[in-house]
N, C-alpha and C. Protein backbone atom coordinates (compact mmCIF):
# COMPACT_ATOMS: atom_id res chain seq x y z
N MET A 1 67.65 96.85 127.85
CA MET A 1 67.59 97.36 126.29
C MET A 1 68.43 96.91 125.75
N ARG A 2 69.73 96.92 127.16
CA ARG A 2 71.26 96.13 126.08
C ARG A 2 70.95 95.12 125.70
N THR A 3 69.96 94.00 126.09
CA THR A 3 70.15 92.93 125.59
C THR A 3 69.86 93.01 124.22
N THR A 4 68.53 93.82 123.94
CA THR A 4 67.65 94.10 122.81
C THR A 4 68.58 94.81 121.67
N THR A 5 69.35 95.63 122.05
CA THR A 5 70.50 96.31 121.15
C THR A 5 71.76 95.35 120.77
N LYS A 6 72.03 94.29 121.64
CA LYS A 6 73.17 93.59 121.47
C LYS A 6 72.31 92.31 120.57
N ARG A 7 71.56 92.28 120.28
CA ARG A 7 70.76 91.22 119.81
C ARG A 7 70.50 91.71 117.80
N LEU A 8 69.89 93.04 118.17
CA LEU A 8 69.76 93.61 116.98
C LEU A 8 70.79 93.57 116.32
N ALA A 9 71.97 94.20 116.74
CA ALA A 9 73.54 94.32 116.29
C ALA A 9 74.40 93.16 115.70
N THR A 10 73.71 91.94 116.58
CA THR A 10 73.82 90.50 115.84
C THR A 10 73.65 90.64 114.63
N ILE A 11 72.18 90.56 114.85
CA ILE A 11 71.34 90.15 113.71
C ILE A 11 71.58 90.83 112.53
N ALA A 12 72.11 92.35 112.98
CA ALA A 12 72.46 92.93 111.21
C ALA A 12 73.94 92.84 111.07
N ALA A 13 75.31 92.12 112.04
CA ALA A 13 76.25 91.62 111.15
C ALA A 13 76.19 90.52 110.63
N THR A 14 75.24 89.77 110.80
CA THR A 14 75.02 88.31 110.36
C THR A 14 74.49 88.41 109.04
N ALA A 15 73.51 89.42 108.59
CA ALA A 15 72.89 89.65 107.37
C ALA A 15 73.95 90.80 106.44
N LEU A 16 74.93 91.01 107.03
CA LEU A 16 75.71 91.94 106.83
C LEU A 16 77.01 91.06 106.04
N ALA A 17 77.07 90.63 106.43
CA ALA A 17 77.97 89.24 106.29
C ALA A 17 78.06 88.58 105.22
N ALA A 18 76.30 87.95 105.20
CA ALA A 18 75.45 87.15 104.37
C ALA A 18 75.26 87.77 102.89
N ALA A 19 75.15 88.99 103.46
CA ALA A 19 74.88 89.78 101.74
C ALA A 19 76.14 90.01 100.97
N LEU A 20 77.79 90.42 101.51
CA LEU A 20 78.69 90.09 101.62
C LEU A 20 79.20 89.19 100.59
N VAL A 21 78.97 88.17 101.27
CA VAL A 21 79.52 86.61 100.53
C VAL A 21 78.44 86.17 99.27
N LEU A 22 77.42 87.02 99.12
CA LEU A 22 76.26 86.96 98.00
C LEU A 22 76.95 87.27 97.01
N THR A 23 77.43 88.59 97.43
CA THR A 23 77.75 89.18 96.43
C THR A 23 79.33 89.32 95.83
N GLY A 24 80.00 88.18 96.53
CA GLY A 24 81.28 88.12 95.87
C GLY A 24 82.04 88.82 96.95
N CYS A 25 81.98 90.23 97.00
CA CYS A 25 82.51 91.05 98.06
C CYS A 25 83.43 90.73 98.95
N SER A 26 83.36 89.55 99.57
CA SER A 26 85.02 89.20 100.28
C SER A 26 84.42 87.56 100.82
N SER A 27 85.53 87.05 101.18
CA SER A 27 85.27 85.99 101.60
C SER A 27 86.11 85.76 103.18
N ASP A 28 86.47 87.40 103.56
CA ASP A 28 87.10 87.47 104.69
C ASP A 28 86.52 87.77 105.48
N ASN A 29 85.65 86.46 106.58
CA ASN A 29 84.75 87.22 107.52
C ASN A 29 85.19 87.74 108.62
N ASP A 30 86.46 87.19 109.21
CA ASP A 30 87.35 88.02 110.46
C ASP A 30 87.61 89.82 110.11
N SER A 31 87.91 90.18 108.58
CA SER A 31 87.86 91.25 108.51
C SER A 31 86.50 91.94 108.36
N LEU A 32 84.99 91.33 108.03
CA LEU A 32 84.07 92.00 108.34
C LEU A 32 83.57 92.28 109.48
N SER A 33 83.71 91.27 110.28
CA SER A 33 83.28 91.39 111.53
C SER A 33 84.39 92.34 112.12
N LYS A 34 85.62 92.89 112.05
CA LYS A 34 86.03 93.85 112.92
C LYS A 34 86.12 95.31 111.84
N GLN A 35 85.34 95.31 110.70
CA GLN A 35 84.66 96.50 110.28
C GLN A 35 83.34 96.88 110.92
N TYR A 36 82.54 95.66 111.33
CA TYR A 36 81.10 96.16 112.00
C TYR A 36 81.04 96.48 113.61
N GLY A 37 82.35 95.82 114.29
CA GLY A 37 82.79 96.16 115.38
C GLY A 37 83.19 97.62 115.71
N ASN A 38 84.00 97.69 114.30
CA ASN A 38 84.36 99.19 114.78
C ASN A 38 83.17 100.47 114.20
N GLY A 39 82.23 99.97 113.98
CA GLY A 39 81.21 100.45 113.24
C GLY A 39 80.90 101.12 111.86
N THR A 40 81.93 100.10 110.89
CA THR A 40 82.01 100.77 109.61
C THR A 40 81.08 99.87 108.68
N THR A 41 80.34 100.46 107.97
CA THR A 41 79.75 99.42 107.25
C THR A 41 79.69 100.25 105.22
N GLN A 42 81.21 99.73 105.58
CA GLN A 42 81.54 100.27 104.01
C GLN A 42 81.53 99.12 103.24
N ASN A 43 80.81 97.82 103.55
CA ASN A 43 80.84 97.14 102.35
C ASN A 43 81.32 96.57 101.56
N TYR A 44 83.07 96.51 101.91
CA TYR A 44 83.99 96.43 100.64
C TYR A 44 85.14 95.78 101.86
N ILE A 45 86.15 95.07 101.49
CA ILE A 45 87.09 94.74 102.15
C ILE A 45 88.40 95.02 100.84
N SER A 46 89.26 96.30 101.29
CA SER A 46 89.90 96.59 100.31
C SER A 46 91.19 95.97 99.76
N GLY A 47 91.84 95.13 100.74
CA GLY A 47 92.82 94.53 100.79
C GLY A 47 94.18 95.39 100.55
N ASP A 48 95.29 95.08 100.66
CA ASP A 48 96.70 95.69 100.87
C ASP A 48 97.17 96.34 99.79
N GLY A 49 96.69 95.73 98.44
CA GLY A 49 97.52 95.71 97.00
C GLY A 49 98.47 94.90 97.03
N ALA A 50 98.35 93.59 97.81
CA ALA A 50 99.35 92.71 97.70
C ALA A 50 99.67 92.18 96.19
N VAL A 51 100.30 91.62 95.70
CA VAL A 51 100.41 90.91 94.44
C VAL A 51 100.94 89.43 94.48
N THR A 52 99.95 88.62 94.27
CA THR A 52 100.68 87.25 94.14
C THR A 52 101.34 87.14 92.79
N GLU A 53 101.82 86.12 92.79
CA GLU A 53 102.53 85.85 91.16
C GLU A 53 102.68 84.19 91.48
N VAL A 54 102.09 83.78 90.47
CA VAL A 54 102.18 82.09 89.88
C VAL A 54 103.21 81.88 88.77
N ALA A 55 104.18 80.89 89.66
CA ALA A 55 105.41 80.71 88.47
C ALA A 55 104.96 79.57 87.56
N THR A 56 105.01 79.71 86.43
CA THR A 56 104.47 79.20 85.38
C THR A 56 104.76 77.50 85.00
N ASP A 57 105.09 76.89 86.15
CA ASP A 57 105.34 75.51 86.36
C ASP A 57 104.27 75.33 87.26
N LYS A 58 104.13 76.41 88.11
CA LYS A 58 103.01 76.08 89.04
C LYS A 58 101.42 76.08 89.11
N ARG A 59 101.05 76.65 87.62
CA ARG A 59 99.51 77.13 87.31
C ARG A 59 99.10 75.90 86.83
N THR A 60 97.61 76.23 87.38
CA THR A 60 96.37 74.84 87.21
C THR A 60 96.13 75.06 86.08
N ASP A 61 94.67 74.33 86.09
CA ASP A 61 93.95 74.53 84.97
C ASP A 61 93.45 75.92 84.70
N ALA A 62 93.20 75.85 83.30
CA ALA A 62 92.88 77.12 82.62
C ALA A 62 91.38 77.47 83.12
N VAL A 63 91.02 78.56 83.41
CA VAL A 63 89.65 79.26 83.91
C VAL A 63 88.52 79.00 83.21
N ASP A 64 87.60 78.71 83.03
CA ASP A 64 86.81 78.50 81.79
C ASP A 64 85.31 79.44 82.32
N PHE A 65 84.97 80.02 81.66
CA PHE A 65 84.10 80.67 81.45
C PHE A 65 82.75 81.51 80.63
N THR A 66 81.74 81.75 80.51
CA THR A 66 81.35 82.08 79.29
C THR A 66 80.29 83.27 79.87
N ALA A 67 80.03 84.57 79.60
CA ALA A 67 78.87 85.43 80.44
C ALA A 67 78.68 86.25 79.10
N LYS A 68 77.60 87.52 79.40
CA LYS A 68 77.29 88.23 78.99
C LYS A 68 77.77 89.42 79.10
N ASP A 69 78.22 90.62 78.27
CA ASP A 69 78.66 91.93 78.59
C ASP A 69 77.14 92.57 78.91
N THR A 70 77.82 93.84 79.19
CA THR A 70 76.67 94.97 79.80
C THR A 70 76.02 95.21 78.40
N ASP A 71 76.44 94.95 77.13
CA ASP A 71 76.16 95.14 75.71
C ASP A 71 75.73 94.33 75.06
N GLY A 72 75.55 93.43 75.64
CA GLY A 72 74.90 91.52 75.29
C GLY A 72 75.47 90.87 74.30
N ASP A 73 77.28 90.86 74.26
CA ASP A 73 77.91 90.36 73.65
C ASP A 73 78.44 89.49 74.70
N THR A 74 78.74 88.35 74.06
CA THR A 74 79.21 87.06 75.13
C THR A 74 80.65 87.05 74.92
N ILE A 75 81.10 87.32 76.16
CA ILE A 75 82.57 86.77 76.54
C ILE A 75 82.98 85.88 77.26
N SER A 76 83.63 84.96 76.51
CA SER A 76 84.08 83.13 76.49
C SER A 76 85.74 83.32 76.80
N ALA A 77 85.95 82.17 77.89
CA ALA A 77 87.55 82.31 78.19
C ALA A 77 88.38 81.64 77.16
N LYS A 78 87.07 80.50 76.08
CA LYS A 78 88.49 79.87 75.07
C LYS A 78 88.31 80.90 74.07
N ASP A 79 87.04 81.72 73.88
CA ASP A 79 87.43 82.76 72.83
C ASP A 79 88.82 83.85 73.20
N LEU A 80 88.70 83.89 74.18
CA LEU A 80 90.04 85.09 74.72
C LEU A 80 91.42 84.09 74.73
N ARG A 81 91.19 82.66 74.72
CA ARG A 81 92.93 82.08 74.73
C ARG A 81 93.98 82.74 73.89
N GLY A 82 95.39 82.71 73.81
CA GLY A 82 95.64 83.21 72.87
C GLY A 82 96.12 84.95 73.63
N LYS A 83 95.42 85.33 74.27
CA LYS A 83 95.32 87.04 74.82
C LYS A 83 96.02 86.71 76.06
N VAL A 84 96.39 87.62 77.04
CA VAL A 84 96.60 87.67 78.32
C VAL A 84 95.27 88.51 78.75
N VAL A 85 94.36 88.43 79.77
CA VAL A 85 93.34 88.67 80.31
C VAL A 85 93.67 89.32 81.41
N VAL A 86 92.75 90.42 81.61
CA VAL A 86 92.77 90.95 82.74
C VAL A 86 91.00 91.21 83.24
N LEU A 87 91.17 90.83 84.80
CA LEU A 87 90.09 90.43 85.13
C LEU A 87 90.25 91.50 86.55
N ASN A 88 89.24 92.12 86.15
CA ASN A 88 89.13 93.64 87.24
C ASN A 88 87.78 93.31 87.93
N PHE A 89 87.51 92.76 88.95
CA PHE A 89 86.15 92.70 89.81
C PHE A 89 86.41 94.26 90.90
N TRP A 90 85.05 94.79 90.81
CA TRP A 90 84.46 96.28 90.99
C TRP A 90 83.34 96.49 91.62
N TYR A 91 82.78 97.07 92.43
CA TYR A 91 81.41 97.92 92.27
C TYR A 91 81.42 99.68 92.41
N ALA A 92 80.48 99.95 91.73
CA ALA A 92 80.37 101.28 92.02
C ALA A 92 80.59 102.28 93.33
N GLY A 93 79.91 101.43 94.18
CA GLY A 93 80.08 102.30 95.74
C GLY A 93 81.64 101.87 96.31
N CYS A 94 82.49 101.51 95.96
CA CYS A 94 83.68 101.21 96.61
C CYS A 94 84.92 102.22 96.24
N PRO A 95 85.35 102.94 96.55
CA PRO A 95 86.35 104.10 96.91
C PRO A 95 87.01 103.39 95.95
N PRO A 96 88.12 102.33 96.63
CA PRO A 96 89.52 102.41 96.22
C PRO A 96 89.06 102.20 94.85
N CYS A 97 88.13 101.66 94.36
CA CYS A 97 87.36 100.96 93.02
C CYS A 97 87.48 102.45 92.32
N ARG A 98 86.84 103.58 92.60
CA ARG A 98 86.94 104.38 91.76
C ARG A 98 88.44 105.35 92.11
N ALA A 99 89.44 105.03 92.80
CA ALA A 99 90.49 104.98 92.80
C ALA A 99 91.64 104.93 91.84
N GLU A 100 91.43 103.70 91.33
CA GLU A 100 92.03 102.71 91.03
C GLU A 100 91.42 102.67 89.45
N ALA A 101 90.36 103.11 88.83
CA ALA A 101 89.84 102.80 87.76
C ALA A 101 90.79 103.76 86.48
N LYS A 102 91.30 105.16 86.72
CA LYS A 102 92.60 105.90 86.14
C LYS A 102 93.56 105.04 85.53
N TYR A 103 93.61 104.64 86.60
CA TYR A 103 95.18 103.47 86.38
C TYR A 103 95.08 102.20 85.42
N LEU A 104 93.86 101.83 85.82
CA LEU A 104 93.32 100.12 85.03
C LEU A 104 93.22 100.89 83.62
N ASN A 105 92.67 102.19 83.31
CA ASN A 105 92.45 102.43 82.26
C ASN A 105 94.15 102.93 81.08
N LYS A 106 94.65 103.53 81.92
CA LYS A 106 95.62 103.77 81.23
C LYS A 106 96.91 102.52 80.68
N VAL A 107 96.84 100.89 81.77
CA VAL A 107 97.21 99.67 81.45
C VAL A 107 96.54 99.57 80.31
N HIS A 108 95.33 99.85 80.12
CA HIS A 108 94.85 99.05 79.11
C HIS A 108 94.69 99.79 77.61
N ASP A 109 94.57 100.92 78.00
CA ASP A 109 95.16 101.77 76.67
C ASP A 109 96.75 101.58 76.08
N GLN A 110 97.50 101.20 77.05
CA GLN A 110 98.49 100.79 76.74
C GLN A 110 99.11 99.83 75.39
N PHE A 111 98.16 98.72 76.10
CA PHE A 111 98.30 97.70 75.13
C PHE A 111 97.43 97.78 74.16
N ALA A 112 96.89 98.60 73.90
CA ALA A 112 95.37 98.62 72.78
C ALA A 112 96.24 97.95 71.41
N GLY A 113 95.44 97.08 70.91
CA GLY A 113 95.91 96.59 69.65
C GLY A 113 96.76 95.53 69.64
N LYS A 114 97.19 95.12 71.31
CA LYS A 114 97.89 94.25 71.12
C LYS A 114 97.27 92.75 71.76
N ASP A 115 97.73 92.00 72.43
CA ASP A 115 96.98 90.23 72.58
C ASP A 115 96.61 90.94 74.21
N VAL A 116 95.82 91.76 74.06
CA VAL A 116 95.23 91.62 75.66
C VAL A 116 94.04 92.04 75.90
N ALA A 117 93.67 91.39 76.73
CA ALA A 117 91.71 91.79 76.41
C ALA A 117 91.53 92.38 78.32
N PHE A 118 91.01 93.27 78.76
CA PHE A 118 90.65 93.54 80.03
C PHE A 118 88.71 93.56 80.19
N VAL A 119 88.44 92.69 81.24
CA VAL A 119 87.29 92.86 81.44
C VAL A 119 86.73 93.11 82.47
N GLY A 120 85.65 93.93 82.77
CA GLY A 120 85.50 93.99 84.51
C GLY A 120 84.33 93.41 84.75
N VAL A 121 84.17 92.89 85.89
CA VAL A 121 83.76 91.89 86.76
C VAL A 121 82.64 92.96 87.76
N ASN A 122 81.85 93.34 87.62
CA ASN A 122 81.23 94.48 88.51
C ASN A 122 79.99 93.30 89.32
N VAL A 123 80.37 92.92 90.86
CA VAL A 123 79.99 91.93 91.49
C VAL A 123 78.85 92.67 92.74
N ARG A 124 78.67 93.45 92.50
CA ARG A 124 77.27 94.27 93.02
C ARG A 124 75.89 95.17 92.64
N ASP A 125 76.23 95.62 91.23
CA ASP A 125 75.18 96.72 90.72
C ASP A 125 74.41 96.12 89.89
N GLU A 126 73.52 96.88 89.27
CA GLU A 126 72.14 96.51 88.14
C GLU A 126 73.34 97.51 87.27
N GLN A 127 72.50 96.85 85.98
CA GLN A 127 73.28 97.80 84.41
C GLN A 127 73.35 99.42 84.97
N ALA A 128 72.28 100.08 85.09
CA ALA A 128 72.23 101.43 85.04
C ALA A 128 73.44 102.06 85.64
N THR A 129 73.92 101.61 87.50
CA THR A 129 74.65 101.88 88.35
C THR A 129 76.30 101.53 87.49
N ALA A 130 76.16 100.85 86.92
CA ALA A 130 77.78 100.07 86.62
C ALA A 130 77.78 101.17 85.44
N ALA A 131 76.64 101.25 84.30
CA ALA A 131 77.14 102.44 83.05
C ALA A 131 77.50 103.65 83.64
N ALA A 132 76.62 104.03 84.71
CA ALA A 132 76.85 105.45 85.42
C ALA A 132 78.43 105.88 85.79
N PHE A 133 79.06 104.27 86.08
CA PHE A 133 80.48 104.69 86.77
C PHE A 133 81.24 104.83 85.47
N GLU A 134 80.97 103.71 84.55
CA GLU A 134 81.83 103.34 83.74
C GLU A 134 81.75 104.89 82.60
N ARG A 135 80.88 105.51 82.55
CA ARG A 135 81.05 106.80 82.06
C ARG A 135 81.71 107.91 82.68
N ARG A 136 80.99 108.11 83.81
CA ARG A 136 82.16 109.05 84.66
C ARG A 136 83.82 108.49 84.73
N PHE A 137 84.07 107.62 84.93
CA PHE A 137 85.52 107.58 85.06
C PHE A 137 86.00 107.05 82.85
N GLY A 138 85.47 106.83 82.59
CA GLY A 138 85.73 106.54 81.43
C GLY A 138 86.41 105.45 81.09
N VAL A 139 85.16 104.22 81.37
CA VAL A 139 85.99 102.62 81.03
C VAL A 139 85.59 102.39 79.88
N ASP A 140 86.41 102.00 78.80
CA ASP A 140 85.97 101.47 77.66
C ASP A 140 85.73 100.06 77.32
N TYR A 141 86.61 99.52 78.21
CA TYR A 141 86.30 97.65 78.00
C TYR A 141 85.41 97.41 78.97
N PRO A 142 84.74 96.11 78.17
CA PRO A 142 83.37 95.42 78.47
C PRO A 142 83.47 94.89 80.37
N THR A 143 82.29 95.18 80.48
CA THR A 143 81.79 94.63 82.04
C THR A 143 80.87 93.17 82.10
N VAL A 144 81.07 92.51 82.98
CA VAL A 144 80.14 91.10 82.83
C VAL A 144 79.31 91.92 84.40
N LEU A 145 78.15 91.76 84.59
CA LEU A 145 77.33 91.97 85.80
C LEU A 145 77.19 90.84 86.20
N ASP A 146 77.67 90.65 87.41
CA ASP A 146 78.04 89.35 88.14
C ASP A 146 77.49 89.08 89.65
N ALA A 147 76.65 90.51 89.74
CA ALA A 147 76.14 89.87 91.03
C ALA A 147 74.81 88.37 91.29
N LYS A 148 74.32 88.72 90.47
CA LYS A 148 72.98 87.56 90.35
C LYS A 148 73.85 86.14 90.01
N SER A 149 74.36 86.26 89.22
CA SER A 149 74.86 84.57 88.85
C SER A 149 76.12 84.17 89.15
N GLY A 150 77.08 85.07 89.79
CA GLY A 150 78.54 84.85 90.35
C GLY A 150 79.49 83.93 89.45
N THR A 151 78.80 84.09 87.85
CA THR A 151 79.53 83.14 86.91
C THR A 151 80.93 83.22 87.21
N MET A 152 81.77 84.23 87.01
CA MET A 152 83.28 85.19 86.94
C MET A 152 84.06 84.51 88.14
N GLN A 153 82.83 84.54 89.63
CA GLN A 153 83.82 84.38 90.71
C GLN A 153 83.83 82.91 91.01
N LEU A 154 82.90 82.70 90.29
CA LEU A 154 82.85 80.63 90.46
C LEU A 154 84.09 80.29 89.69
N ALA A 155 84.04 81.07 88.55
CA ALA A 155 85.05 80.40 87.52
C ALA A 155 86.74 79.91 88.03
N LEU A 156 86.82 81.32 89.08
CA LEU A 156 88.07 80.95 90.16
C LEU A 156 88.24 80.32 91.20
N SER A 157 86.71 79.66 91.37
CA SER A 157 86.89 79.10 92.62
C SER A 157 87.58 77.89 92.76
N GLY A 158 88.77 77.59 93.45
CA GLY A 158 89.58 76.67 93.42
C GLY A 158 91.02 77.23 93.11
N GLN A 159 90.98 78.44 92.46
CA GLN A 159 92.15 78.94 91.68
C GLN A 159 92.47 80.17 93.32
N ILE A 160 93.41 80.90 92.49
CA ILE A 160 93.78 82.31 93.22
C ILE A 160 92.74 82.82 92.86
N ALA A 161 91.84 83.19 94.04
CA ALA A 161 90.29 84.08 94.10
C ALA A 161 90.07 85.57 94.06
N PRO A 162 89.29 86.19 93.60
CA PRO A 162 89.53 87.87 94.23
C PRO A 162 88.58 87.91 95.36
N ASN A 163 89.31 87.65 96.44
CA ASN A 163 88.52 87.43 97.87
C ASN A 163 88.86 88.89 98.93
N ALA A 164 88.74 89.88 97.88
CA ALA A 164 88.70 91.46 97.97
C ALA A 164 88.03 92.02 96.72
N VAL A 165 87.56 93.00 97.21
CA VAL A 165 86.81 94.66 96.41
C VAL A 165 87.44 95.45 96.35
N PRO A 166 88.27 96.71 95.45
CA PRO A 166 88.66 95.41 94.37
C PRO A 166 89.77 94.38 94.09
N ALA A 167 89.66 93.73 93.34
CA ALA A 167 90.63 92.63 93.24
C ALA A 167 91.29 92.46 91.27
N THR A 168 92.58 92.55 91.42
CA THR A 168 92.42 92.53 89.63
C THR A 168 93.43 90.82 89.36
N ILE A 169 92.84 90.07 88.62
CA ILE A 169 93.46 89.11 88.39
C ILE A 169 94.32 89.32 86.54
N VAL A 170 95.57 88.69 86.13
CA VAL A 170 95.99 88.27 85.14
C VAL A 170 96.06 86.80 85.11
N LEU A 171 95.13 86.74 83.90
CA LEU A 171 95.15 85.45 83.28
C LEU A 171 96.22 85.26 82.06
N ASP A 172 97.15 84.02 82.08
CA ASP A 172 98.13 83.68 80.92
C ASP A 172 97.36 83.52 79.73
N LYS A 173 98.47 83.40 78.73
CA LYS A 173 97.62 83.07 77.45
C LYS A 173 96.90 81.92 77.24
N LYS A 174 97.18 80.99 78.23
CA LYS A 174 96.56 79.81 78.16
C LYS A 174 95.41 79.60 78.74
N GLY A 175 95.36 80.84 79.42
CA GLY A 175 94.16 81.17 80.10
C GLY A 175 94.10 80.68 81.77
N ARG A 176 95.59 80.76 82.45
CA ARG A 176 95.66 79.96 83.86
C ARG A 176 95.83 81.49 84.50
N VAL A 177 95.40 81.16 85.92
CA VAL A 177 95.76 82.45 87.13
C VAL A 177 97.34 82.63 86.70
N ALA A 178 97.71 83.75 86.85
CA ALA A 178 99.52 84.04 86.33
C ALA A 178 99.51 84.96 87.48
N ALA A 179 98.89 86.06 88.14
CA ALA A 179 98.87 86.71 89.21
C ALA A 179 97.90 87.15 89.77
N ARG A 180 97.84 88.03 90.95
CA ARG A 180 96.28 88.48 91.75
C ARG A 180 96.97 90.01 92.66
N VAL A 181 96.48 90.98 91.93
CA VAL A 181 96.63 92.16 92.82
C VAL A 181 95.58 92.02 93.43
N LEU A 182 95.42 91.99 95.03
CA LEU A 182 94.53 92.08 96.07
C LEU A 182 94.31 93.22 96.67
N GLY A 183 93.30 93.91 96.27
CA GLY A 183 93.34 95.61 96.62
C GLY A 183 93.35 96.50 95.55
N ALA A 184 93.60 98.09 95.54
CA ALA A 184 93.38 98.35 94.59
C ALA A 184 94.79 98.73 93.93
N VAL A 185 94.92 98.67 92.64
CA VAL A 185 95.97 99.20 91.65
C VAL A 185 96.35 100.38 91.96
N ASP A 186 97.82 101.20 92.96
CA ASP A 186 97.48 102.30 93.23
C ASP A 186 98.51 102.76 92.22
N GLY A 187 98.93 102.60 91.10
CA GLY A 187 99.40 103.10 89.96
C GLY A 187 99.57 101.98 88.81
N PRO A 188 99.99 102.65 87.61
CA PRO A 188 99.88 101.90 86.30
C PRO A 188 101.52 100.73 86.62
N GLY A 189 102.39 100.88 87.12
CA GLY A 189 102.96 100.28 87.16
C GLY A 189 103.37 98.88 87.14
N ILE A 190 102.48 98.49 88.53
CA ILE A 190 102.95 96.40 88.47
C ILE A 190 101.98 96.00 88.10
N LEU A 191 100.76 96.78 87.79
CA LEU A 191 100.17 95.80 86.02
C LEU A 191 100.30 95.82 85.05
N ASN A 192 100.95 97.07 84.94
CA ASN A 192 101.96 97.00 83.47
C ASN A 192 102.89 96.19 83.50
N THR A 193 103.67 95.75 84.12
CA THR A 193 104.62 95.14 84.70
C THR A 193 104.12 94.02 84.18
N LEU A 194 103.17 93.04 84.99
CA LEU A 194 102.72 91.83 85.16
C LEU A 194 102.02 91.69 83.69
N VAL A 195 101.61 92.26 83.33
CA VAL A 195 100.71 92.10 81.69
C VAL A 195 101.76 92.25 80.85
N ALA A 196 102.82 92.78 80.51
CA ALA A 196 103.83 92.76 79.75
C ALA A 196 104.91 91.76 80.08
N ASP A 197 105.35 91.17 81.07
CA ASP A 197 105.71 89.91 81.17
C ASP A 197 105.10 88.91 80.79
N GLU A 198 103.81 88.93 81.02
CA GLU A 198 102.87 87.54 80.01
C GLU A 198 102.70 87.50 79.06
N LEU A 199 102.78 88.78 78.55
CA LEU A 199 102.45 88.90 76.87
C LEU A 199 103.81 89.29 75.96
N SER A 200 104.90 89.52 76.16
CA SER A 200 106.51 88.69 76.11
C SER A 200 106.96 87.39 76.62
N GLY A 201 106.43 86.50 77.60
CA GLY A 201 106.57 85.10 77.71
C GLY A 201 108.17 85.25 78.77
N LYS A 202 108.29 86.56 79.59
CA LYS A 202 109.67 86.74 80.18
C LYS A 202 108.62 86.46 81.38
N ALA A 203 107.49 86.00 81.58
CA ALA A 203 107.09 85.49 83.03
C ALA A 203 107.62 84.24 83.70
N SER A 204 108.20 84.38 84.39
CA SER A 204 109.23 82.99 85.43
C SER A 204 108.26 81.81 85.53
């Protein structure tokens, strides 16, 4: 009985980790193992809100992507050149994603009409689930459903990637990764500063 239970637990843990990697929820397998060992099946790793900034002289190649949003409109990295771009990686069943939504909305609204673009990247859900989240939390910026293609996540491979959900990546006006918030945005202040610095050219 013990052997069978242990075997089933091992199979379940393996399946869980594989599913999460496929949907882009995390590349942190040690943390996933700890979650399962603690009896937790939350299916996300929220990160700790740590901010990574990349000095302008250390930034690598521009991120390149082309994807359709949930309205069927094309979102292209090339079309967004000249704007500061905020990419927020999320899914509807992630509690930290729900908690940070109001702060993302606030920063989005603050920079409305300026050279700033927000794009939500849903790493798990189908369109109906994502749309319900957006209605509930008043998300006005476009969303790309990335669970099947992984287009947006793959675009950041080799860069400072979204290794947790939620994660927020800020691209500079040249399309290069400028900063990452790994975990929930727990207030508008940090993201506001990151975006404002890139917009004004004050980033070091």
